[in-house]
Amino acid sequence: MLETSSNSAQLATLASELIVRHPHLHQRRVFLRADGGHLVLQGRVKSFFEKQMAQEALRTIDGVRTIDNQLEVSWQD
């Protein structure tokens, strides 16, 4: 299947909605980019658990091939 910018936009929208609804994440601090089936997570979370939960949640989306989890853990935020 040919990857298009609309596919990337649709994937980014689905991923963003999933992050916002996730009960274990503070979504105001989690941002993502999509390029085809590649997602990049950026921002800050309060624990390694939240970092892993964000990544695992995105794995459930059809079309995600790779996830680059660049989330930083900051206990003091």
Protein backbone atom coordinates (compact mmCIF):
# COMPACT_ATOMS: atom_id res chain seq x y z
CA MET A 1 0.00 0.00 0.00
CA LEU A 2 1.32 3.43 -0.93
CA GLU A 3 1.83 5.76 2.04
CA THR A 4 0.37 9.20 1.51
CA SER A 5 0.22 12.33 3.61
CA SER A 6 -3.50 11.66 4.18
CA ASN A 7 -2.62 8.22 5.59
CA SER A 8 -0.11 9.87 7.92
CA ALA A 9 -2.66 12.48 8.97
CA GLN A 10 -5.27 9.81 9.64
CA LEU A 11 -2.80 7.76 11.67
CA ALA A 12 -1.77 10.85 13.66
CA THR A 13 -5.42 11.64 14.39
CA LEU A 14 -6.18 8.10 15.58
CA ALA A 15 -3.06 8.04 17.74
CA SER A 16 -3.77 11.46 19.25
CA GLU A 17 -7.33 10.44 20.13
CA LEU A 18 -6.06 7.28 21.78
CA ILE A 19 -3.51 9.22 23.86
CA VAL A 20 -6.15 11.75 24.97
CA ARG A 21 -8.53 8.99 26.09
CA HIS A 22 -5.87 6.89 27.82
CA PRO A 23 -6.53 6.81 31.59
CA HIS A 24 -2.85 6.57 32.59
CA LEU A 25 -1.45 9.51 30.62
CA HIS A 26 -1.38 13.26 31.13
CA GLN A 27 -2.09 14.01 27.49
CA ARG A 28 -1.13 17.69 27.72
CA ARG A 29 2.49 16.59 27.92
CA VAL A 30 2.49 13.94 25.18
CA PHE A 31 2.87 14.89 21.54
CA LEU A 32 3.31 12.78 18.45
CA ARG A 33 4.22 12.90 14.79
CA ALA A 34 3.31 10.40 12.11
CA ASP A 35 5.10 9.62 8.89
CA GLY A 36 3.46 6.72 7.16
CA GLY A 37 3.44 3.87 9.66
CA HIS A 38 6.15 5.46 11.79
CA LEU A 39 5.11 7.31 14.97
CA VAL A 40 7.35 9.53 17.10
CA LEU A 41 6.29 10.19 20.70
CA GLN A 42 7.69 13.27 22.41
CA GLY A 43 7.05 15.18 25.60
CA ARG A 44 7.20 14.41 29.31
CA VAL A 45 5.52 11.88 31.53
CA LYS A 46 5.76 11.34 35.30
CA SER A 47 6.86 7.69 35.30
CA PHE A 48 8.41 4.94 33.24
CA PHE A 49 5.02 3.22 33.50
CA GLU A 50 3.36 6.14 31.65
CA LYS A 51 6.11 6.06 29.02
CA GLN A 52 5.51 2.36 28.39
CA MET A 53 1.71 2.72 28.46
CA ALA A 54 1.84 5.38 25.74
CA GLN A 55 3.88 3.13 23.50
CA GLU A 56 1.79 0.03 24.15
CA ALA A 57 -1.46 1.90 23.47
CA LEU A 58 -0.20 2.99 20.05
CA ARG A 59 0.80 -0.54 19.10
CA THR A 60 -2.90 -1.44 18.95
CA ILE A 61 -3.55 0.86 15.97
CA ASP A 62 -3.68 -0.77 12.54
CA GLY A 63 -1.00 0.66 10.27
CA VAL A 64 1.59 1.42 12.95
CA ARG A 65 4.86 -0.19 11.91
CA THR A 66 7.35 1.47 14.24
CA ILE A 67 7.24 3.67 17.33
CA ASP A 68 10.10 5.94 18.32
CA ASN A 69 9.43 6.58 22.00
CA GLN A 70 11.31 9.79 22.87
CA LEU A 71 9.20 10.55 25.96
CA GLU A 72 11.19 11.89 28.90
CA VAL A 73 10.43 10.87 32.48
CA SER A 74 10.31 13.78 34.91
CA TRP A 75 9.09 13.11 38.44
CA GLN A 76 9.15 16.81 39.36
CA ASP A 77 6.67 18.14 36.79
